Amino acid sequence: MAARVEAIVAKFDGDKGQLVSILQDIQEEHRYLPREALEKASQLLNIPLSQIYSVATFFRAFSLEPRGRHLIKVCLGTACHVRGANRILERAALDLGIEAGQTTSDMAFTLETVNCVGCCALGPVVVVDDTTLGQMTTDKVVPMLERYRQ
């Protein structure tokens, strides 16, 4: 892990001002920000670990806990909410056996909520990994999950 963090930091020429980008790359590599990786980044960038944790916890896009192979984000913005996003979230949580903010025990899925994904006309919207699924209904939740279980 240390060698990979060294390569990521080197990619940004050890520039402390690129901390967010460095953390994004570390998270892309591991699907979360492992403590060991943050300690190594702290050492390489000569930034206090507390400052790195401050940035990592400020941005909701970062996770200090391991995430599943598939990240499911249910939009709960106003347009999605009025079109039934809460029912979609409940259906996904029921089928996965977890609550929003949790990861399945097999590390296959992490279920999260977001305030807006910026495509309100398609609401309700679910984003799985990098795929935006619009006009989602509760009937579409189980088939969607089955596609990603394979």
N, C-alpha and C. Protein backbone atom coordinates (compact mmCIF):
# COMPACT_ATOMS: atom_id res chain seq x y z
N MET A 1 0.83 -1.20 0.00
CA MET A 1 0.00 0.00 0.00
C MET A 1 0.87 1.25 0.00
N ALA A 2 1.96 1.21 0.76
CA ALA A 2 2.82 2.40 0.86
C ALA A 2 3.38 2.80 -0.49
N ALA A 3 3.79 1.82 -1.28
CA ALA A 3 4.36 2.12 -2.60
C ALA A 3 3.32 2.77 -3.51
N ARG A 4 2.10 2.33 -3.41
CA ARG A 4 1.03 2.90 -4.24
C ARG A 4 0.73 4.34 -3.82
N VAL A 5 0.72 4.61 -2.52
CA VAL A 5 0.51 5.98 -2.03
C VAL A 5 1.67 6.87 -2.48
N GLU A 6 2.88 6.33 -2.42
CA GLU A 6 4.04 7.10 -2.89
C GLU A 6 3.88 7.48 -4.36
N ALA A 7 3.40 6.54 -5.17
CA ALA A 7 3.20 6.81 -6.60
C ALA A 7 2.13 7.86 -6.82
N ILE A 8 1.07 7.81 -6.03
CA ILE A 8 -0.02 8.79 -6.16
C ILE A 8 0.48 10.18 -5.78
N VAL A 9 1.19 10.28 -4.67
CA VAL A 9 1.73 11.57 -4.23
C VAL A 9 2.72 12.10 -5.27
N ALA A 10 3.55 11.22 -5.81
CA ALA A 10 4.53 11.63 -6.83
C ALA A 10 3.83 12.14 -8.09
N LYS A 11 2.70 11.54 -8.42
CA LYS A 11 1.92 11.98 -9.59
C LYS A 11 1.54 13.46 -9.48
N PHE A 12 1.37 13.92 -8.25
CA PHE A 12 1.02 15.32 -8.00
C PHE A 12 2.23 16.12 -7.51
N ASP A 13 3.42 15.59 -7.77
CA ASP A 13 4.68 16.25 -7.41
C ASP A 13 4.78 16.62 -5.94
N GLY A 14 4.10 15.86 -5.08
CA GLY A 14 4.15 16.13 -3.65
C GLY A 14 3.54 17.46 -3.24
N ASP A 15 2.68 18.00 -4.10
CA ASP A 15 2.06 19.31 -3.85
C ASP A 15 0.95 19.19 -2.81
N LYS A 16 1.17 19.81 -1.65
CA LYS A 16 0.19 19.80 -0.56
C LYS A 16 -1.16 20.36 -1.00
N GLY A 17 -1.13 21.30 -1.93
CA GLY A 17 -2.36 21.92 -2.43
C GLY A 17 -3.22 20.97 -3.23
N GLN A 18 -2.69 19.81 -3.55
CA GLN A 18 -3.43 18.80 -4.30
C GLN A 18 -3.97 17.69 -3.40
N LEU A 19 -4.09 17.99 -2.10
CA LEU A 19 -4.50 16.97 -1.14
C LEU A 19 -5.83 16.32 -1.52
N VAL A 20 -6.81 17.10 -1.92
CA VAL A 20 -8.11 16.52 -2.27
C VAL A 20 -7.95 15.55 -3.44
N SER A 21 -7.21 15.93 -4.44
CA SER A 21 -6.98 15.05 -5.59
C SER A 21 -6.22 13.79 -5.19
N ILE A 22 -5.26 13.94 -4.30
CA ILE A 22 -4.51 12.79 -3.80
C ILE A 22 -5.44 11.84 -3.06
N LEU A 23 -6.29 12.39 -2.20
CA LEU A 23 -7.24 11.55 -1.47
C LEU A 23 -8.23 10.87 -2.42
N GLN A 24 -8.65 11.57 -3.47
CA GLN A 24 -9.54 10.97 -4.45
C GLN A 24 -8.88 9.75 -5.11
N ASP A 25 -7.62 9.90 -5.47
CA ASP A 25 -6.91 8.79 -6.10
C ASP A 25 -6.71 7.62 -5.14
N ILE A 26 -6.41 7.92 -3.89
CA ILE A 26 -6.26 6.86 -2.89
C ILE A 26 -7.58 6.13 -2.73
N GLN A 27 -8.67 6.88 -2.64
CA GLN A 27 -9.97 6.26 -2.48
C GLN A 27 -10.36 5.44 -3.71
N GLU A 28 -10.03 5.93 -4.88
CA GLU A 28 -10.33 5.17 -6.10
C GLU A 28 -9.60 3.83 -6.08
N GLU A 29 -8.41 3.83 -5.55
CA GLU A 29 -7.59 2.62 -5.48
C GLU A 29 -8.17 1.60 -4.50
N HIS A 30 -8.68 2.08 -3.36
CA HIS A 30 -9.09 1.18 -2.27
C HIS A 30 -10.59 1.16 -2.00
N ARG A 31 -11.35 2.03 -2.64
CA ARG A 31 -12.79 2.22 -2.42
C ARG A 31 -13.10 2.89 -1.07
N TYR A 32 -12.05 3.28 -0.36
CA TYR A 32 -12.17 4.07 0.87
C TYR A 32 -10.78 4.58 1.20
N LEU A 33 -10.66 5.33 2.31
CA LEU A 33 -9.37 5.89 2.71
C LEU A 33 -8.83 5.12 3.91
N PRO A 34 -7.98 4.11 3.67
CA PRO A 34 -7.42 3.35 4.79
C PRO A 34 -6.50 4.22 5.65
N ARG A 35 -6.52 3.98 6.93
CA ARG A 35 -5.69 4.76 7.86
C ARG A 35 -4.21 4.71 7.46
N GLU A 36 -3.73 3.52 7.08
CA GLU A 36 -2.32 3.39 6.72
C GLU A 36 -1.97 4.29 5.54
N ALA A 37 -2.87 4.40 4.58
CA ALA A 37 -2.63 5.24 3.41
C ALA A 37 -2.60 6.72 3.81
N LEU A 38 -3.50 7.10 4.72
CA LEU A 38 -3.52 8.49 5.18
C LEU A 38 -2.26 8.82 5.98
N GLU A 39 -1.79 7.87 6.78
CA GLU A 39 -0.55 8.09 7.53
C GLU A 39 0.63 8.27 6.58
N LYS A 40 0.67 7.46 5.53
CA LYS A 40 1.76 7.56 4.56
C LYS A 40 1.69 8.89 3.81
N ALA A 41 0.48 9.31 3.42
CA ALA A 41 0.31 10.60 2.74
C ALA A 41 0.73 11.74 3.65
N SER A 42 0.38 11.63 4.91
CA SER A 42 0.76 12.65 5.90
C SER A 42 2.28 12.78 5.96
N GLN A 43 2.95 11.66 6.00
CA GLN A 43 4.41 11.64 6.06
C GLN A 43 5.02 12.22 4.78
N LEU A 44 4.53 11.78 3.64
CA LEU A 44 5.11 12.21 2.36
C LEU A 44 4.86 13.69 2.07
N LEU A 45 3.68 14.19 2.47
CA LEU A 45 3.33 15.58 2.19
C LEU A 45 3.75 16.52 3.32
N ASN A 46 4.20 15.94 4.43
CA ASN A 46 4.56 16.73 5.61
C ASN A 46 3.37 17.58 6.07
N ILE A 47 2.22 16.91 6.14
CA ILE A 47 0.98 17.52 6.61
C ILE A 47 0.55 16.73 7.84
N PRO A 48 0.12 17.39 8.90
CA PRO A 48 -0.35 16.64 10.07
C PRO A 48 -1.52 15.72 9.71
N LEU A 49 -1.50 14.53 10.27
CA LEU A 49 -2.57 13.56 10.01
C LEU A 49 -3.93 14.15 10.36
N SER A 50 -3.98 14.97 11.39
CA SER A 50 -5.26 15.59 11.79
C SER A 50 -5.80 16.49 10.68
N GLN A 51 -4.92 17.14 9.95
CA GLN A 51 -5.36 17.99 8.84
C GLN A 51 -5.91 17.14 7.70
N ILE A 52 -5.28 16.02 7.44
CA ILE A 52 -5.77 15.12 6.39
C ILE A 52 -7.14 14.56 6.78
N TYR A 53 -7.29 14.17 8.04
CA TYR A 53 -8.59 13.69 8.51
C TYR A 53 -9.65 14.79 8.43
N SER A 54 -9.25 16.02 8.69
CA SER A 54 -10.18 17.14 8.60
C SER A 54 -10.74 17.26 7.19
N VAL A 55 -9.88 17.16 6.20
CA VAL A 55 -10.32 17.23 4.80
C VAL A 55 -11.15 16.00 4.45
N ALA A 56 -10.69 14.83 4.87
CA ALA A 56 -11.38 13.58 4.54
C ALA A 56 -12.78 13.50 5.14
N THR A 57 -12.98 14.11 6.30
CA THR A 57 -14.29 14.06 6.93
C THR A 57 -15.18 15.24 6.52
N PHE A 58 -14.58 16.28 5.97
CA PHE A 58 -15.37 17.44 5.51
C PHE A 58 -16.17 17.10 4.26
N PHE A 59 -15.54 16.40 3.33
CA PHE A 59 -16.19 16.08 2.06
C PHE A 59 -16.92 14.74 2.17
N ARG A 60 -18.20 14.76 1.88
CA ARG A 60 -19.01 13.57 1.99
C ARG A 60 -18.62 12.49 0.98
N ALA A 61 -17.93 12.87 -0.07
CA ALA A 61 -17.52 11.91 -1.09
C ALA A 61 -16.46 10.94 -0.57
N PHE A 62 -15.78 11.30 0.52
CA PHE A 62 -14.75 10.43 1.07
C PHE A 62 -15.34 9.51 2.12
N SER A 63 -14.78 8.32 2.20
CA SER A 63 -15.22 7.35 3.20
C SER A 63 -14.01 6.82 3.96
N LEU A 64 -14.12 6.78 5.26
CA LEU A 64 -13.07 6.20 6.10
C LEU A 64 -13.36 4.73 6.39
N GLU A 65 -14.51 4.27 5.94
CA GLU A 65 -14.91 2.87 6.12
C GLU A 65 -14.89 2.17 4.76
N PRO A 66 -14.56 0.89 4.74
CA PRO A 66 -14.56 0.16 3.46
C PRO A 66 -15.95 0.21 2.81
N ARG A 67 -15.95 0.40 1.50
CA ARG A 67 -17.18 0.42 0.72
C ARG A 67 -17.28 -0.86 -0.10
N GLY A 68 -18.51 -1.17 -0.49
CA GLY A 68 -18.74 -2.34 -1.32
C GLY A 68 -18.23 -2.15 -2.74
N ARG A 69 -18.21 -3.24 -3.48
CA ARG A 69 -17.77 -3.18 -4.89
C ARG A 69 -18.67 -2.26 -5.71
N HIS A 70 -19.95 -2.18 -5.32
CA HIS A 70 -20.89 -1.31 -6.03
C HIS A 70 -21.43 -0.27 -5.05
N LEU A 71 -21.32 0.97 -5.44
CA LEU A 71 -21.81 2.09 -4.62
C LEU A 71 -23.15 2.54 -5.19
N ILE A 72 -24.19 2.43 -4.38
CA ILE A 72 -25.54 2.83 -4.78
C ILE A 72 -25.88 4.12 -4.07
N LYS A 73 -26.18 5.15 -4.85
CA LYS A 73 -26.57 6.45 -4.28
C LYS A 73 -28.01 6.73 -4.70
N VAL A 74 -28.86 6.92 -3.71
CA VAL A 74 -30.25 7.27 -3.97
C VAL A 74 -30.40 8.77 -3.74
N CYS A 75 -30.84 9.47 -4.77
CA CYS A 75 -31.03 10.92 -4.66
C CYS A 75 -32.28 11.21 -3.84
N LEU A 76 -32.12 12.06 -2.84
CA LEU A 76 -33.24 12.49 -2.01
C LEU A 76 -33.50 13.99 -2.15
N GLY A 77 -33.01 14.57 -3.24
CA GLY A 77 -33.29 15.98 -3.51
C GLY A 77 -34.79 16.19 -3.68
N THR A 78 -35.20 17.42 -3.70
CA THR A 78 -36.63 17.75 -3.72
C THR A 78 -37.38 17.07 -4.86
N ALA A 79 -36.89 17.18 -6.08
CA ALA A 79 -37.59 16.59 -7.22
C ALA A 79 -37.70 15.07 -7.08
N CYS A 80 -36.65 14.43 -6.64
CA CYS A 80 -36.69 12.97 -6.46
C CYS A 80 -37.56 12.60 -5.26
N HIS A 81 -37.46 13.38 -4.21
CA HIS A 81 -38.24 13.11 -3.00
C HIS A 81 -39.74 13.11 -3.30
N VAL A 82 -40.21 14.14 -4.00
CA VAL A 82 -41.66 14.22 -4.27
C VAL A 82 -42.12 13.14 -5.24
N ARG A 83 -41.18 12.51 -5.94
CA ARG A 83 -41.53 11.42 -6.86
C ARG A 83 -41.30 10.04 -6.26
N GLY A 84 -41.06 9.98 -4.95
CA GLY A 84 -41.01 8.69 -4.27
C GLY A 84 -39.64 8.11 -3.98
N ALA A 85 -38.61 8.93 -3.93
CA ALA A 85 -37.26 8.42 -3.68
C ALA A 85 -37.15 7.69 -2.34
N ASN A 86 -37.90 8.13 -1.34
CA ASN A 86 -37.83 7.46 -0.04
C ASN A 86 -38.29 6.01 -0.13
N ARG A 87 -39.33 5.75 -0.94
CA ARG A 87 -39.80 4.37 -1.11
C ARG A 87 -38.74 3.52 -1.84
N ILE A 88 -38.04 4.14 -2.78
CA ILE A 88 -36.98 3.43 -3.49
C ILE A 88 -35.84 3.08 -2.54
N LEU A 89 -35.47 4.04 -1.70
CA LEU A 89 -34.43 3.81 -0.70
C LEU A 89 -34.85 2.67 0.25
N GLU A 90 -36.08 2.71 0.71
CA GLU A 90 -36.58 1.67 1.61
C GLU A 90 -36.54 0.30 0.95
N ARG A 91 -36.92 0.23 -0.31
CA ARG A 91 -36.93 -1.05 -1.04
C ARG A 91 -35.51 -1.58 -1.21
N ALA A 92 -34.58 -0.71 -1.56
CA ALA A 92 -33.18 -1.14 -1.72
C ALA A 92 -32.62 -1.60 -0.38
N ALA A 93 -32.90 -0.86 0.68
CA ALA A 93 -32.41 -1.22 2.00
C ALA A 93 -32.97 -2.57 2.44
N LEU A 94 -34.25 -2.79 2.19
CA LEU A 94 -34.89 -4.05 2.54
C LEU A 94 -34.26 -5.21 1.78
N ASP A 95 -34.09 -5.04 0.48
CA ASP A 95 -33.53 -6.11 -0.34
C ASP A 95 -32.07 -6.41 0.02
N LEU A 96 -31.31 -5.38 0.32
CA LEU A 96 -29.90 -5.56 0.66
C LEU A 96 -29.68 -5.96 2.12
N GLY A 97 -30.68 -5.70 2.96
CA GLY A 97 -30.55 -6.02 4.37
C GLY A 97 -29.67 -5.06 5.13
N ILE A 98 -29.59 -3.83 4.64
CA ILE A 98 -28.79 -2.79 5.29
C ILE A 98 -29.56 -1.48 5.29
N GLU A 99 -29.05 -0.52 6.01
CA GLU A 99 -29.61 0.82 6.03
C GLU A 99 -28.71 1.74 5.21
N ALA A 100 -29.21 2.92 4.88
CA ALA A 100 -28.39 3.92 4.18
C ALA A 100 -27.16 4.20 5.02
N GLY A 101 -26.01 4.26 4.36
CA GLY A 101 -24.75 4.49 5.04
C GLY A 101 -24.02 3.21 5.42
N GLN A 102 -24.61 2.06 5.09
CA GLN A 102 -23.99 0.79 5.45
C GLN A 102 -23.56 0.02 4.21
N THR A 103 -22.75 -1.01 4.45
CA THR A 103 -22.24 -1.90 3.41
C THR A 103 -22.67 -3.32 3.73
N THR A 104 -23.04 -4.06 2.70
CA THR A 104 -23.44 -5.46 2.91
C THR A 104 -22.25 -6.26 3.44
N SER A 105 -22.55 -7.31 4.18
CA SER A 105 -21.48 -8.11 4.81
C SER A 105 -20.57 -8.77 3.78
N ASP A 106 -21.07 -9.02 2.57
CA ASP A 106 -20.23 -9.62 1.53
C ASP A 106 -19.43 -8.58 0.74
N MET A 107 -19.53 -7.31 1.18
CA MET A 107 -18.82 -6.20 0.55
C MET A 107 -19.22 -5.98 -0.91
N ALA A 108 -20.42 -6.40 -1.27
CA ALA A 108 -20.89 -6.22 -2.64
C ALA A 108 -21.48 -4.83 -2.85
N PHE A 109 -22.22 -4.31 -1.86
CA PHE A 109 -22.93 -3.05 -2.04
C PHE A 109 -22.76 -2.13 -0.84
N THR A 110 -22.67 -0.85 -1.14
CA THR A 110 -22.79 0.21 -0.14
C THR A 110 -23.96 1.06 -0.58
N LEU A 111 -24.86 1.36 0.34
CA LEU A 111 -26.05 2.14 0.06
C LEU A 111 -25.91 3.51 0.71
N GLU A 112 -26.00 4.56 -0.10
CA GLU A 112 -25.88 5.92 0.41
C GLU A 112 -27.01 6.78 -0.13
N THR A 113 -27.20 7.90 0.53
CA THR A 113 -28.14 8.91 0.02
C THR A 113 -27.35 10.15 -0.37
N VAL A 114 -27.85 10.87 -1.34
CA VAL A 114 -27.26 12.14 -1.75
C VAL A 114 -28.39 13.16 -1.85
N ASN A 115 -28.03 14.43 -1.75
CA ASN A 115 -29.03 15.49 -1.78
C ASN A 115 -29.47 15.85 -3.18
N CYS A 116 -28.60 15.70 -4.16
CA CYS A 116 -28.97 16.00 -5.54
C CYS A 116 -27.87 15.49 -6.46
N VAL A 117 -28.28 14.88 -7.56
CA VAL A 117 -27.30 14.44 -8.55
C VAL A 117 -27.34 15.30 -9.80
N GLY A 118 -28.24 16.28 -9.82
CA GLY A 118 -28.25 17.26 -10.89
C GLY A 118 -28.99 16.86 -12.15
N CYS A 119 -29.86 15.89 -12.06
CA CYS A 119 -30.67 15.54 -13.23
C CYS A 119 -32.12 15.35 -12.77
N CYS A 120 -32.65 16.43 -12.24
CA CYS A 120 -33.96 16.42 -11.60
C CYS A 120 -35.10 15.96 -12.53
N ALA A 121 -34.98 16.25 -13.81
CA ALA A 121 -36.03 15.86 -14.75
C ALA A 121 -36.16 14.35 -14.86
N LEU A 122 -35.12 13.61 -14.48
CA LEU A 122 -35.15 12.15 -14.56
C LEU A 122 -35.62 11.50 -13.27
N GLY A 123 -35.90 12.29 -12.25
CA GLY A 123 -36.22 11.77 -10.94
C GLY A 123 -37.41 10.84 -10.91
N PRO A 124 -37.39 9.97 -9.93
CA PRO A 124 -36.32 9.74 -8.96
C PRO A 124 -35.12 9.04 -9.59
N VAL A 125 -33.95 9.38 -9.09
CA VAL A 125 -32.69 8.92 -9.68
C VAL A 125 -31.91 8.08 -8.67
N VAL A 126 -31.32 7.01 -9.19
CA VAL A 126 -30.37 6.19 -8.44
C VAL A 126 -29.11 6.14 -9.29
N VAL A 127 -27.96 6.30 -8.64
CA VAL A 127 -26.68 6.18 -9.34
C VAL A 127 -25.99 4.94 -8.78
N VAL A 128 -25.67 4.01 -9.67
CA VAL A 128 -24.92 2.82 -9.27
C VAL A 128 -23.56 2.92 -9.93
N ASP A 129 -22.54 2.99 -9.09
CA ASP A 129 -21.17 3.23 -9.57
C ASP A 129 -21.19 4.52 -10.39
N ASP A 130 -21.00 4.47 -11.67
CA ASP A 130 -21.02 5.68 -12.50
C ASP A 130 -22.21 5.70 -13.44
N THR A 131 -23.20 4.84 -13.22
CA THR A 131 -24.36 4.75 -14.10
C THR A 131 -25.56 5.42 -13.44
N THR A 132 -26.13 6.41 -14.13
CA THR A 132 -27.31 7.11 -13.62
C THR A 132 -28.56 6.43 -14.16
N LEU A 133 -29.43 6.05 -13.24
CA LEU A 133 -30.68 5.37 -13.60
C LEU A 133 -31.84 6.28 -13.23
N GLY A 134 -32.51 6.82 -14.23
CA GLY A 134 -33.61 7.75 -13.99
C GLY A 134 -34.96 7.07 -14.01
N GLN A 135 -35.95 7.83 -13.57
CA GLN A 135 -37.34 7.37 -13.50
C GLN A 135 -37.43 6.02 -12.79
N MET A 136 -36.69 5.91 -11.72
CA MET A 136 -36.65 4.68 -10.93
C MET A 136 -37.98 4.48 -10.21
N THR A 137 -38.39 3.24 -10.10
CA THR A 137 -39.58 2.88 -9.34
C THR A 137 -39.21 1.76 -8.39
N THR A 138 -40.07 1.49 -7.43
CA THR A 138 -39.79 0.40 -6.50
C THR A 138 -39.74 -0.94 -7.23
N ASP A 139 -40.53 -1.09 -8.29
CA ASP A 139 -40.53 -2.33 -9.07
C ASP A 139 -39.21 -2.55 -9.81
N LYS A 140 -38.47 -1.49 -10.06
CA LYS A 140 -37.21 -1.61 -10.79
C LYS A 140 -36.01 -1.87 -9.88
N VAL A 141 -36.20 -1.73 -8.57
CA VAL A 141 -35.07 -1.84 -7.63
C VAL A 141 -34.47 -3.24 -7.63
N VAL A 142 -35.29 -4.26 -7.44
CA VAL A 142 -34.76 -5.63 -7.35
C VAL A 142 -34.07 -6.04 -8.66
N PRO A 143 -34.69 -5.84 -9.83
CA PRO A 143 -33.96 -6.18 -11.08
C PRO A 143 -32.64 -5.41 -11.22
N MET A 144 -32.62 -4.15 -10.79
CA MET A 144 -31.38 -3.36 -10.85
C MET A 144 -30.31 -4.03 -9.98
N LEU A 145 -30.66 -4.40 -8.77
CA LEU A 145 -29.70 -5.03 -7.86
C LEU A 145 -29.24 -6.38 -8.41
N GLU A 146 -30.13 -7.12 -9.00
CA GLU A 146 -29.78 -8.43 -9.57
C GLU A 146 -28.73 -8.30 -10.67
N ARG A 147 -28.86 -7.24 -11.48
CA ARG A 147 -27.87 -6.99 -12.54
C ARG A 147 -26.48 -6.82 -11.97
N TYR A 148 -26.38 -6.17 -10.81
CA TYR A 148 -25.08 -5.91 -10.22
C TYR A 148 -24.60 -7.02 -9.31
N ARG A 149 -25.46 -7.93 -8.98
CA ARG A 149 -25.05 -9.08 -8.15
C ARG A 149 -24.27 -10.11 -8.97
N GLN A 150 -24.44 -10.09 -10.26
CA GLN A 150 -23.79 -11.09 -11.12
C GLN A 150 -22.32 -10.87 -11.25
